[in-house]
C-alpha atoms as a PDB file:
ATOM      1  CA  MET A   1       0.000   0.000   0.000  1.00  0.00           C
ATOM      2  CA  LEU A   2       2.893   2.350   0.768  1.00  0.00           C
ATOM      3  CA  ASP A   3       4.366   1.645  -2.679  1.00  0.00           C
ATOM      4  CA  LEU A   4       1.175   2.878  -4.301  1.00  0.00           C
ATOM      5  CA  GLY A   5       1.255   6.097  -2.281  1.00  0.00           C
ATOM      6  CA  VAL A   6       4.886   6.701  -3.213  1.00  0.00           C
ATOM      7  CA  ASN A   7       4.129   6.091  -6.889  1.00  0.00           C
ATOM      8  CA  ILE A   8       1.180   8.492  -6.766  1.00  0.00           C
ATOM      9  CA  ALA A   9       3.267  11.193  -5.048  1.00  0.00           C
ATOM     10  CA  ILE A  10       6.034  10.847  -7.635  1.00  0.00           C
ATOM     11  CA  GLY A  11       3.552  10.903 -10.513  1.00  0.00           C
ATOM     12  CA  LEU A  12       1.722  13.952  -9.178  1.00  0.00           C
ATOM     13  CA  SER A  13       4.931  15.875  -8.641  1.00  0.00           C
ATOM     14  CA  MET A  14       6.006  15.138 -12.215  1.00  0.00           C
ATOM     15  CA  VAL A  15       2.612  16.217 -13.584  1.00  0.00           C
ATOM     16  CA  VAL A  16       2.838  19.516 -11.675  1.00  0.00           C
ATOM     17  CA  VAL A  17       6.283  20.160 -13.186  1.00  0.00           C
ATOM     18  CA  LEU A  18       4.917  19.391 -16.657  1.00  0.00           C
ATOM     19  CA  ILE A  19       1.966  21.751 -16.162  1.00  0.00           C
ATOM     20  CA  THR A  20       4.187  24.622 -15.009  1.00  0.00           C
ATOM     21  CA  PHE A  21       6.502  23.968 -17.955  1.00  0.00           C
ATOM     22  CA  ILE A  22       3.629  24.081 -20.442  1.00  0.00           C
ATOM     23  CA  LEU A  23       2.215  27.256 -18.887  1.00  0.00           C
ATOM     24  CA  GLY A  24       5.669  28.823 -19.130  1.00  0.00           C
ATOM     25  CA  MET A  25       5.947  27.903 -22.789  1.00  0.00           C
ATOM     26  CA  VAL A  26       2.550  29.470 -23.490  1.00  0.00           C
ATOM     27  CA  ALA A  27       3.652  32.643 -21.685  1.00  0.00           C
ATOM     28  CA  PHE A  28       6.884  32.597 -23.699  1.00  0.00           C
ATOM     29  CA  GLY A  29       4.882  32.977 -26.892  1.00  0.00           C
ATOM     30  CA  GLN A  30       3.227  36.189 -25.728  1.00  0.00           C
ATOM     31  CA  ASN A  31       4.572  39.725 -26.044  1.00  0.00           C
ATOM     32  CA  GLY A  32       4.600  42.654 -23.641  1.00  0.00           C
ATOM     33  CA  ALA A  33       5.890  43.601 -20.227  1.00  0.00           C
ATOM     34  CA  ALA A  34       3.094  41.793 -18.389  1.00  0.00           C
ATOM     35  CA  ALA A  35       3.781  38.601 -20.335  1.00  0.00           C
ATOM     36  CA  SER A  36       7.480  38.889 -19.536  1.00  0.00           C
ATOM     37  CA  ALA A  37       6.758  39.235 -15.828  1.00  0.00           C
ATOM     38  CA  ARG A  38       4.367  36.262 -15.984  1.00  0.00           C
ATOM     39  CA  LEU A  39       7.001  34.211 -17.819  1.00  0.00           C
ATOM     40  CA  ASN A  40       9.597  34.940 -15.145  1.00  0.00           C
ATOM     41  CA  ARG A  41       7.146  34.041 -12.386  1.00  0.00           C
ATOM     42  CA  LEU A  42       6.148  30.778 -14.096  1.00  0.00           C
ATOM     43  CA  MET A  43       9.740  29.751 -14.725  1.00  0.00           C
ATOM     44  CA  ALA A  44      10.558  30.410 -11.062  1.00  0.00           C
ATOM     45  CA  TRP A  45       7.632  28.174 -10.113  1.00  0.00           C
ATOM     46  CA  ARG A  46       8.910  25.516 -12.526  1.00  0.00           C
ATOM     47  CA  VAL A  47      12.283  25.501 -10.790  1.00  0.00           C
ATOM     48  CA  ARG A  48      10.593  25.187  -7.399  1.00  0.00           C
ATOM     49  CA  THR A  49       8.349  22.364  -8.544  1.00  0.00           C
ATOM     50  CA  GLN A  50      11.341  20.563 -10.050  1.00  0.00           C
ATOM     51  CA  LEU A  51      13.152  20.795  -6.719  1.00  0.00           C
ATOM     52  CA  ILE A  52      10.115  19.399  -4.923  1.00  0.00           C
ATOM     53  CA  ALA A  53       9.801  16.604  -7.506  1.00  0.00           C
ATOM     54  CA  ILE A  54      13.461  15.661  -7.019  1.00  0.00           C
ATOM     55  CA  VAL A  55      13.001  15.529  -3.241  1.00  0.00           C
ATOM     56  CA  VAL A  56       9.825  13.446  -3.595  1.00  0.00           C
ATOM     57  CA  LEU A  57      11.626  11.082  -5.983  1.00  0.00           C
ATOM     58  CA  ALA A  58      14.625  10.721  -3.651  1.00  0.00           C
ATOM     59  CA  VAL A  59      12.440  10.076  -0.610  1.00  0.00           C
ATOM     60  CA  GLY A  60      10.369   7.624  -2.620  1.00  0.00           C
ATOM     61  CA  MET A  61      13.489   5.742  -3.654  1.00  0.00           C
ATOM     62  CA  LEU A  62      14.630   5.564  -0.025  1.00  0.00           C
ATOM     63  CA  ILE A  63      11.245   4.250   1.083  1.00  0.00           C
ATOM     64  CA  LYS A  64      11.192   1.646  -1.683  1.00  0.00           C
ATOM     65  CA  ALA A  65      14.758   0.557  -0.900  1.00  0.00           C
ATOM     66  CA  GLN A  66      13.832  -0.117   2.724  1.00  0.00           C
ATOM     67  CA  ALA A  67      10.711  -2.101   1.859  1.00  0.00           C
END
């Protein structure tokens, strides 16, 4: 049961990174100062979500290694 929870957490974290990446790419295609500010904000969120996904993946690997 714990394996399933770890897999779900890893999958969700990866999906969140993908969503922020796609939103950033959409913002990249727009022009203007507001779009530039939105792009910077979205790319900062992408970096944060990637860090969280890496931590979730590492913790998940540790949990699976101990099981």
